[in-house]
Amino acid sequence: MNNPLSILILHRVPFENVGYDNVIDHQFHNVTYIGLSSAINSIPPQIHCSRVIIESTDDLVEKSVNLCKEENKKFDHVIAVSEYQLYDAANIRHTLNIPGPKMQEVKKVRDKVIMKKSIESAGLDTPKFSELTDVIFGKEKFCADIKLILKPKDGASSENVIAFDNIDSLLSSIHRKETGIELLDKHHAYEKFEVEEFITGSIIHIDGIVENSLISELIVSRYEGTCLAFAEGQAFGSYQIDMEEKFHVWAQSVIHALNIKSGAFHLEGFESGGRLVFLEIGHRAGGANVVKTFELATGINLHQANIATQLDLPIKIKSVQAGKNYGWFVFPGHHYPWTHCRLSGHEKHCIDERMLEWNQLMPKQQLTKNITYQKKEVPAAGIIHGNNTLEVQQFMQLVLNEVKVLEHL
């Protein structure tokens, strides 16, 4: 690359979690970070860049556009690592005529109804799904005896996701304003939610990198527990499984259906009755310790590869230990009525040779009351490794079953 790029980064994820400086030469390229003061302050002082602080994330698009007009700047790229800022990045690109995904493209990887319509149109399996408004007003009907999931159309981390035994219980909860979701019970924002059929089966996630519309690297993992159960208070994790051609073919079909051209992805699906059923996808790196375990297995940091592929920069690959499988787990703390916790049953597991990384809150640290997978914000989290899938799975099951989170007295 001969000419420096002018790059606008919508900065939300802590700098150290991403490692922008491992991808972008800040001395050569012209880099501007814009975000809340807490995010901007996470940028090391020695990093050569422009720093723009906004008072509210609602000001992000307007401030970015005004920045260009007032300082006569022209950006070549807009980068958003956080899923919650993909819409903002699309709006900025559209307003300032900057290359990259625009709103219609972003909606395919953020709006779960549009997302599944695209998947369905490509001939791939999805759960039966519908806009919540269509269900409420009788335009779409579900069988009376099937379990259903209510979820936000652009949510993450299973926040505001509820399972119902049948359509009658769902509609009753909506009409009585007893869902426990403020957006529904108080604000009646039905248009922001969808309903989908509950699928029985194990859940996998496929994480990888897309370059020029083709998957260049991927890892397949199976969940132990579920994201929804975690939101309801149960520990969970995932472990890497052996690669089969069917997973690559399916993932590539999903990538084509959603027109993802470059960047990282986190794809979730069901293994049900011998078929793969689409659940959802994020056009970003996965949460929890997905990035770390992916890097341990492949030598590639997903956050950094996500940025590199969008900027057409080389992806850095570290050497890895061959013949190892990895997994991660996390214990929730958001649901407890108390503010501080302690652990029991962890003593032998945290020093086991299969435990590659162990994190736990100190007694003086308060529990975070929002749903989070961040290892520094939950009662306990860790990374495990083994010589094969079964070894990792069995050790993970031991940890999840035997470690207990208790109130710190």
Protein backbone atom coordinates (compact mmCIF):
# COMPACT_ATOMS: atom_id res chain seq x y z
CA MET A 1 0.00 0.00 0.00
CA ASN A 2 1.56 3.28 -1.16
CA ASN A 3 -0.85 5.89 0.16
CA PRO A 4 -1.99 6.39 3.75
CA LEU A 5 -5.65 5.77 4.53
CA SER A 6 -7.94 8.13 6.41
CA ILE A 7 -9.88 5.93 8.86
CA LEU A 8 -12.76 6.80 11.18
CA ILE A 9 -13.18 4.30 14.04
CA LEU A 10 -16.43 4.26 16.02
CA HIS A 11 -14.80 3.39 19.30
CA ARG A 12 -16.82 1.43 21.85
CA VAL A 13 -15.06 -1.84 22.63
CA PRO A 14 -12.04 -1.26 24.95
CA PHE A 15 -8.86 -0.64 22.96
CA GLU A 16 -6.94 -3.49 24.62
CA ASN A 17 -9.68 -5.98 23.72
CA VAL A 18 -9.30 -5.22 20.02
CA GLY A 19 -5.66 -4.28 19.49
CA TYR A 20 -6.17 -1.75 16.71
CA ASP A 21 -2.45 -0.94 16.81
CA ASN A 22 -1.62 -4.53 15.83
CA VAL A 23 -3.45 -3.98 12.53
CA ILE A 24 -3.18 -0.29 11.70
CA ASP A 25 0.10 1.62 11.47
CA HIS A 26 -1.01 4.78 13.28
CA GLN A 27 2.12 6.65 12.23
CA PHE A 28 1.45 6.02 8.55
CA HIS A 29 -2.36 6.12 8.37
CA ASN A 30 -4.56 8.99 9.54
CA VAL A 31 -6.79 7.51 12.25
CA THR A 32 -9.63 9.24 14.11
CA TYR A 33 -11.38 7.61 17.09
CA ILE A 34 -14.79 8.88 18.13
CA GLY A 35 -16.70 7.69 21.18
CA LEU A 36 -17.68 8.30 24.77
CA SER A 37 -14.96 9.51 27.13
CA SER A 38 -14.72 6.07 28.78
CA ALA A 39 -13.87 4.49 25.42
CA ILE A 40 -11.54 7.24 24.23
CA ASN A 41 -9.66 7.14 27.52
CA SER A 42 -8.87 3.46 26.88
CA ILE A 43 -6.60 4.46 23.97
CA PRO A 44 -2.97 4.38 25.13
CA PRO A 45 -1.48 7.90 25.20
CA GLN A 46 1.39 6.94 22.89
CA ILE A 47 -0.98 6.02 20.04
CA HIS A 48 -0.74 8.66 17.29
CA CYS A 49 -4.34 9.52 16.36
CA SER A 50 -7.13 12.08 16.62
CA ARG A 51 -9.51 11.60 19.56
CA VAL A 52 -13.08 12.92 19.48
CA ILE A 53 -15.28 12.63 22.58
CA ILE A 54 -19.07 12.63 22.34
CA GLU A 55 -21.48 13.11 25.24
CA SER A 56 -23.96 10.48 24.06
CA THR A 57 -23.94 7.64 21.53
CA ASP A 58 -27.04 9.30 20.05
CA ASP A 59 -24.71 12.06 18.83
CA LEU A 60 -22.36 9.72 17.01
CA VAL A 61 -23.61 10.11 13.44
CA GLU A 62 -24.21 13.86 13.64
CA LYS A 63 -20.84 14.49 15.31
CA SER A 64 -19.00 12.36 12.74
CA VAL A 65 -20.66 14.14 9.82
CA ASN A 66 -20.01 17.58 11.33
CA LEU A 67 -16.39 16.60 11.95
CA CYS A 68 -15.91 16.07 8.23
CA LYS A 69 -17.62 19.30 7.28
CA GLU A 70 -15.96 21.52 9.88
CA GLU A 71 -12.44 20.18 9.42
CA ASN A 72 -12.78 19.36 5.72
CA LYS A 73 -11.94 15.71 6.35
CA LYS A 74 -12.64 12.90 3.93
CA PHE A 75 -12.53 9.37 5.31
CA ASP A 76 -11.70 6.35 3.17
CA HIS A 77 -13.20 3.88 5.66
CA VAL A 78 -15.53 3.77 8.66
CA ILE A 79 -14.86 0.91 11.09
CA ALA A 80 -17.32 -0.29 13.74
CA VAL A 81 -16.25 -3.29 15.82
CA SER A 82 -19.31 -3.23 18.07
CA GLU A 83 -22.48 -4.82 16.70
CA TYR A 84 -24.46 -1.98 18.30
CA GLN A 85 -22.77 0.58 16.04
CA LEU A 86 -23.12 -1.09 12.64
CA TYR A 87 -26.19 1.02 11.85
CA ASP A 88 -24.32 4.20 12.80
CA ALA A 89 -21.42 3.23 10.54
CA ALA A 90 -23.84 2.59 7.66
CA ASN A 91 -25.52 5.98 8.15
CA ILE A 92 -22.17 7.77 8.18
CA ARG A 93 -21.05 5.98 5.01
CA HIS A 94 -24.31 6.86 3.26
CA THR A 95 -24.24 10.54 4.30
CA LEU A 96 -20.58 11.06 3.42
CA ASN A 97 -20.47 8.71 0.39
CA ILE A 98 -17.84 6.43 1.93
CA PRO A 99 -17.36 2.87 0.60
CA GLY A 100 -18.52 -0.03 2.75
CA PRO A 101 -21.77 -1.69 3.88
CA LYS A 102 -24.81 0.61 3.69
CA MET A 103 -28.07 0.33 5.63
CA GLN A 104 -29.73 -2.40 3.54
CA GLU A 105 -26.66 -4.60 3.80
CA VAL A 106 -26.33 -4.03 7.55
CA LYS A 107 -30.00 -4.84 8.16
CA LYS A 108 -29.36 -8.34 6.80
CA VAL A 109 -26.97 -9.00 9.69
CA ARG A 110 -28.81 -7.02 12.39
CA ASP A 111 -32.57 -7.37 11.83
CA LYS A 112 -33.42 -10.98 12.64
CA VAL A 113 -36.55 -11.02 10.47
CA ILE A 114 -34.82 -9.61 7.39
CA MET A 115 -31.88 -11.92 8.15
CA LYS A 116 -34.01 -15.07 8.20
CA LYS A 117 -36.00 -14.01 5.13
CA SER A 118 -32.72 -13.83 3.22
CA ILE A 119 -31.67 -17.25 4.53
CA GLU A 120 -35.08 -18.75 3.69
CA SER A 121 -34.94 -17.29 0.17
CA ALA A 122 -31.62 -19.04 -0.35
CA GLY A 123 -33.29 -22.40 0.36
CA LEU A 124 -31.71 -22.88 3.80
CA ASP A 125 -33.60 -24.10 6.87
CA THR A 126 -34.81 -21.60 9.47
CA PRO A 127 -37.26 -21.87 12.35
CA LYS A 128 -40.77 -20.69 11.50
CA PHE A 129 -40.70 -16.96 12.32
CA SER A 130 -42.79 -13.82 12.19
CA GLU A 131 -42.95 -10.18 13.15
CA LEU A 132 -44.56 -9.89 16.59
CA THR A 133 -47.05 -7.36 15.22
CA ASP A 134 -48.28 -9.91 12.67
CA VAL A 135 -48.78 -12.46 15.43
CA ILE A 136 -50.66 -10.02 17.68
CA PHE A 137 -53.02 -8.95 14.91
CA GLY A 138 -53.58 -12.48 13.59
CA LYS A 139 -51.79 -12.09 10.26
CA GLU A 140 -49.42 -14.93 11.13
CA LYS A 141 -50.40 -18.06 13.07
CA PHE A 142 -48.35 -20.68 14.89
CA CYS A 143 -49.51 -24.17 15.82
CA ALA A 144 -51.18 -24.18 19.23
CA ASP A 145 -48.86 -26.73 20.81
CA ILE A 146 -45.36 -25.60 19.81
CA LYS A 147 -42.90 -23.80 22.07
CA LEU A 148 -42.02 -20.26 20.94
CA ILE A 149 -39.25 -17.74 21.46
CA LEU A 150 -39.89 -13.99 21.72
CA LYS A 151 -36.83 -11.85 21.03
CA PRO A 152 -35.77 -8.35 19.92
CA LYS A 153 -35.14 -8.12 16.18
CA ASP A 154 -31.72 -6.53 16.73
CA GLY A 155 -30.78 -7.82 20.17
CA ALA A 156 -27.72 -9.64 21.47
CA SER A 157 -26.67 -11.80 24.46
CA SER A 158 -30.26 -13.14 24.78
CA GLU A 159 -31.30 -9.94 26.53
CA ASN A 160 -35.11 -9.55 26.56
CA VAL A 161 -35.51 -13.04 25.12
CA ILE A 162 -38.32 -15.19 26.58
CA ALA A 163 -39.48 -18.75 25.90
CA PHE A 164 -43.20 -19.56 25.94
CA ASP A 165 -44.85 -22.99 26.01
CA ASN A 166 -47.34 -22.02 23.30
CA ILE A 167 -48.86 -19.13 21.38
CA ASP A 168 -51.68 -18.61 23.89
CA SER A 169 -49.29 -18.01 26.78
CA LEU A 170 -47.27 -15.61 24.64
CA LEU A 171 -50.29 -13.56 23.59
CA SER A 172 -51.69 -13.56 27.12
CA SER A 173 -48.38 -12.20 28.46
CA ILE A 174 -48.36 -9.49 25.79
CA HIS A 175 -51.98 -8.41 26.35
CA ARG A 176 -51.64 -8.42 30.15
CA LYS A 177 -48.38 -6.44 29.86
CA GLU A 178 -46.61 -9.09 31.93
CA THR A 179 -43.58 -9.95 29.79
CA GLY A 180 -41.21 -8.08 32.10
CA ILE A 181 -39.80 -6.28 29.06
CA GLU A 182 -40.25 -2.52 29.40
CA LEU A 183 -40.24 -1.95 25.64
CA LEU A 184 -43.33 -4.15 25.37
CA ASP A 185 -45.20 -3.68 28.66
CA LYS A 186 -44.74 0.07 28.91
CA HIS A 187 -43.90 1.41 25.45
CA HIS A 188 -45.75 -1.17 23.30
CA ALA A 189 -42.84 -1.29 20.84
CA TYR A 190 -44.14 -4.48 19.24
CA GLU A 191 -42.48 -3.63 15.91
CA LYS A 192 -39.06 -4.16 17.54
CA PHE A 193 -39.68 -7.85 18.29
CA GLU A 194 -40.09 -11.16 16.48
CA VAL A 195 -41.47 -14.59 17.34
CA GLU A 196 -39.90 -17.82 16.23
CA GLU A 197 -40.40 -21.54 16.67
CA PHE A 198 -38.31 -23.26 19.37
CA ILE A 199 -36.00 -25.79 17.73
CA THR A 200 -34.91 -28.89 19.64
CA GLY A 201 -31.27 -29.84 19.23
CA SER A 202 -27.73 -28.86 20.13
CA ILE A 203 -26.52 -25.38 19.19
CA ILE A 204 -23.28 -24.74 17.36
CA HIS A 205 -21.44 -21.55 16.55
CA ILE A 206 -19.16 -21.12 13.59
CA ASP A 207 -16.63 -18.30 13.75
CA GLY A 208 -14.55 -17.20 10.83
CA ILE A 209 -13.24 -14.64 8.39
CA VAL A 210 -14.59 -13.61 4.99
CA GLU A 211 -12.35 -12.21 2.26
CA ASN A 212 -13.83 -11.26 -1.10
CA SER A 213 -17.10 -13.02 -0.17
CA LEU A 214 -15.35 -16.33 0.58
CA ILE A 215 -14.61 -17.86 3.98
CA SER A 216 -10.85 -18.05 4.42
CA GLU A 217 -10.78 -19.50 7.95
CA LEU A 218 -13.35 -20.96 10.34
CA ILE A 219 -13.71 -22.90 13.58
CA VAL A 220 -16.82 -24.86 14.64
CA SER A 221 -17.82 -25.07 18.32
CA ARG A 222 -20.72 -26.61 20.23
CA TYR A 223 -22.41 -24.90 23.16
CA GLU A 224 -22.57 -26.55 26.57
CA GLY A 225 -25.72 -24.85 27.85
CA THR A 226 -27.35 -21.97 25.98
CA CYS A 227 -27.22 -18.18 25.76
CA LEU A 228 -30.86 -18.04 26.87
CA ALA A 229 -30.19 -20.19 29.92
CA PHE A 230 -27.23 -17.92 30.76
CA ALA A 231 -29.51 -14.89 30.65
CA GLU A 232 -31.79 -16.77 33.07
CA GLY A 233 -28.90 -17.50 35.44
CA GLN A 234 -27.11 -20.69 34.34
CA ALA A 235 -23.42 -21.01 33.52
CA PHE A 236 -22.51 -22.04 29.98
CA GLY A 237 -19.65 -22.28 27.53
CA SER A 238 -18.58 -23.85 24.25
CA TYR A 239 -15.91 -26.23 23.00
CA GLN A 240 -14.34 -26.62 19.58
CA ILE A 241 -15.36 -29.70 17.57
CA ASP A 242 -13.85 -31.46 14.59
CA MET A 243 -14.33 -29.76 11.26
CA GLU A 244 -16.68 -31.45 8.78
CA GLU A 245 -17.22 -30.34 5.19
CA LYS A 246 -20.97 -29.86 5.81
CA PHE A 247 -20.24 -27.04 8.25
CA HIS A 248 -18.07 -25.15 5.75
CA VAL A 249 -20.59 -25.60 2.95
CA TRP A 250 -23.47 -24.44 5.15
CA ALA A 251 -21.58 -21.43 6.51
CA GLN A 252 -20.52 -20.36 3.02
CA SER A 253 -24.14 -20.62 1.84
CA VAL A 254 -25.19 -18.34 4.70
CA ILE A 255 -22.45 -15.83 3.85
CA HIS A 256 -23.61 -15.71 0.22
CA ALA A 257 -27.27 -15.38 1.21
CA LEU A 258 -26.50 -12.36 3.40
CA ASN A 259 -24.03 -10.83 0.93
CA ILE A 260 -21.20 -10.53 3.46
CA LYS A 261 -18.13 -9.46 1.53
CA SER A 262 -15.44 -9.11 4.21
CA GLY A 263 -14.82 -9.20 7.93
CA ALA A 264 -15.38 -11.56 10.83
CA PHE A 265 -18.61 -13.44 11.51
CA HIS A 266 -20.22 -15.32 14.40
CA LEU A 267 -22.83 -17.75 13.04
CA GLU A 268 -25.16 -19.79 15.24
CA GLY A 269 -27.30 -22.73 14.22
CA PHE A 270 -29.09 -25.84 15.44
CA GLU A 271 -28.12 -29.44 14.76
CA SER A 272 -31.60 -30.92 14.65
CA GLY A 273 -32.65 -34.25 13.18
CA GLY A 274 -29.58 -34.51 10.98
CA ARG A 275 -30.03 -31.03 9.49
CA LEU A 276 -28.50 -27.62 10.16
CA VAL A 277 -31.04 -24.92 10.98
CA PHE A 278 -30.08 -21.25 10.92
CA LEU A 279 -30.40 -19.36 14.22
CA GLU A 280 -28.66 -16.00 13.68
CA ILE A 281 -25.42 -14.36 12.65
CA GLY A 282 -23.33 -11.41 13.77
CA HIS A 283 -21.06 -9.61 11.32
CA ARG A 284 -18.37 -9.24 13.99
CA ALA A 285 -16.23 -11.34 16.27
CA GLY A 286 -18.01 -13.50 18.83
CA GLY A 287 -18.30 -12.54 22.49
CA ALA A 288 -17.03 -14.16 25.70
CA ASN A 289 -13.66 -15.84 24.97
CA VAL A 290 -14.48 -16.79 21.38
CA VAL A 291 -11.74 -14.48 20.06
CA LYS A 292 -9.09 -15.93 22.38
CA THR A 293 -9.92 -19.58 21.71
CA PHE A 294 -10.08 -18.93 17.95
CA GLU A 295 -6.63 -17.36 18.12
CA LEU A 296 -5.24 -20.27 20.16
CA ALA A 297 -6.44 -22.69 17.48
CA THR A 298 -5.60 -20.70 14.34
CA GLY A 299 -3.10 -18.00 15.31
CA ILE A 300 -5.53 -15.35 14.04
CA ASN A 301 -7.13 -12.66 16.20
CA LEU A 302 -10.73 -12.28 14.95
CA HIS A 303 -11.07 -8.63 16.01
CA GLN A 304 -7.92 -7.72 14.15
CA ALA A 305 -8.74 -9.85 11.11
CA ASN A 306 -12.16 -8.17 11.02
CA ILE A 307 -10.47 -4.79 10.68
CA ALA A 308 -7.70 -5.95 8.35
CA THR A 309 -10.04 -7.48 5.77
CA GLN A 310 -12.21 -4.35 5.68
CA LEU A 311 -9.14 -2.15 5.13
CA ASP A 312 -7.50 -4.60 2.71
CA LEU A 313 -4.54 -4.97 5.05
CA PRO A 314 -2.66 -8.25 5.67
CA ILE A 315 -3.92 -10.61 8.39
CA LYS A 316 -1.26 -11.47 10.95
CA ILE A 317 -0.96 -15.14 11.90
CA LYS A 318 0.86 -16.39 15.01
CA SER A 319 2.26 -19.87 15.46
CA VAL A 320 0.01 -22.27 17.41
CA GLN A 321 0.33 -25.55 19.29
CA ALA A 322 -0.92 -28.30 16.99
CA GLY A 323 -3.33 -31.02 18.10
CA LYS A 324 -5.17 -29.04 20.77
CA ASN A 325 -8.86 -28.26 21.22
CA TYR A 326 -10.06 -25.27 23.22
CA GLY A 327 -13.18 -24.16 25.02
CA TRP A 328 -14.41 -21.31 27.19
CA PHE A 329 -16.99 -20.96 29.94
CA VAL A 330 -18.59 -18.17 31.95
CA PHE A 331 -20.71 -17.99 35.13
CA PRO A 332 -23.41 -15.29 35.27
CA GLY A 333 -23.82 -12.84 38.15
CA HIS A 334 -26.43 -10.38 36.86
CA HIS A 335 -29.41 -12.27 38.28
CA TYR A 336 -28.40 -12.50 41.94
CA PRO A 337 -30.10 -10.26 44.54
CA TRP A 338 -26.80 -9.71 46.32
CA THR A 339 -23.96 -7.37 45.33
CA HIS A 340 -20.89 -9.48 46.18
CA CYS A 341 -20.14 -13.17 45.67
CA ARG A 342 -17.77 -15.98 46.53
CA LEU A 343 -17.10 -19.35 44.89
CA SER A 344 -17.07 -22.92 46.11
CA GLY A 345 -16.06 -26.14 44.38
CA HIS A 346 -13.53 -24.33 42.17
CA GLU A 347 -10.34 -25.01 44.09
CA LYS A 348 -9.16 -28.13 42.25
CA HIS A 349 -10.46 -27.03 38.85
CA CYS A 350 -8.76 -23.65 38.66
CA ILE A 351 -5.31 -25.29 39.07
CA ASP A 352 -6.02 -28.28 36.82
CA GLU A 353 -3.58 -28.63 33.92
CA ARG A 354 -6.52 -28.48 31.54
CA MET A 355 -7.42 -25.00 32.83
CA LEU A 356 -5.49 -22.67 30.56
CA GLU A 357 -6.90 -19.42 31.99
CA TRP A 358 -8.98 -18.78 35.12
CA ASN A 359 -10.65 -15.52 36.15
CA GLN A 360 -12.82 -14.75 39.16
CA LEU A 361 -14.13 -11.66 40.89
CA MET A 362 -12.42 -10.56 44.08
CA PRO A 363 -14.72 -10.39 47.14
CA LYS A 364 -14.62 -6.58 47.12
CA GLN A 365 -15.74 -6.36 43.48
CA GLN A 366 -19.44 -5.78 42.92
CA LEU A 367 -21.50 -7.95 40.62
CA THR A 368 -22.51 -6.36 37.32
CA LYS A 369 -26.29 -6.27 37.01
CA ASN A 370 -26.46 -6.33 33.21
CA ILE A 371 -25.95 -9.47 31.12
CA THR A 372 -22.27 -9.71 30.27
CA TYR A 373 -19.78 -12.34 29.14
CA GLN A 374 -16.74 -10.17 29.98
CA LYS A 375 -14.31 -12.22 32.05
CA LYS A 376 -13.51 -9.30 34.37
CA GLU A 377 -17.19 -8.64 35.13
CA VAL A 378 -18.59 -12.12 35.96
CA PRO A 379 -18.14 -14.32 39.04
CA ALA A 380 -15.95 -16.79 37.12
CA ALA A 381 -14.78 -17.41 33.57
CA GLY A 382 -12.06 -19.40 31.95
CA ILE A 383 -10.44 -21.12 28.99
CA ILE A 384 -9.73 -24.86 28.94
CA HIS A 385 -7.78 -27.06 26.55
CA GLY A 386 -7.30 -30.71 25.82
CA ASN A 387 -6.05 -33.20 23.25
CA ASN A 388 -9.48 -33.74 21.70
CA THR A 389 -13.08 -32.57 21.74
CA LEU A 390 -14.27 -35.15 24.26
CA GLU A 391 -11.59 -34.26 26.81
CA VAL A 392 -12.49 -30.57 26.66
CA GLN A 393 -16.22 -31.27 26.79
CA GLN A 394 -15.99 -33.58 29.81
CA PHE A 395 -13.81 -31.18 31.80
CA MET A 396 -16.12 -28.29 30.96
CA GLN A 397 -19.10 -30.29 32.21
CA LEU A 398 -17.27 -30.93 35.50
CA VAL A 399 -16.52 -27.23 35.97
CA LEU A 400 -20.05 -26.10 35.12
CA ASN A 401 -21.62 -28.68 37.43
CA GLU A 402 -19.29 -28.43 40.43
CA VAL A 403 -18.41 -24.73 40.72
CA LYS A 404 -21.01 -22.77 42.70
CA VAL A 405 -21.54 -19.01 43.03
CA LEU A 406 -22.59 -18.02 46.55
CA GLU A 407 -23.29 -14.80 48.40
CA HIS A 408 -20.23 -13.22 50.02
CA LEU A 409 -21.10 -12.64 53.68
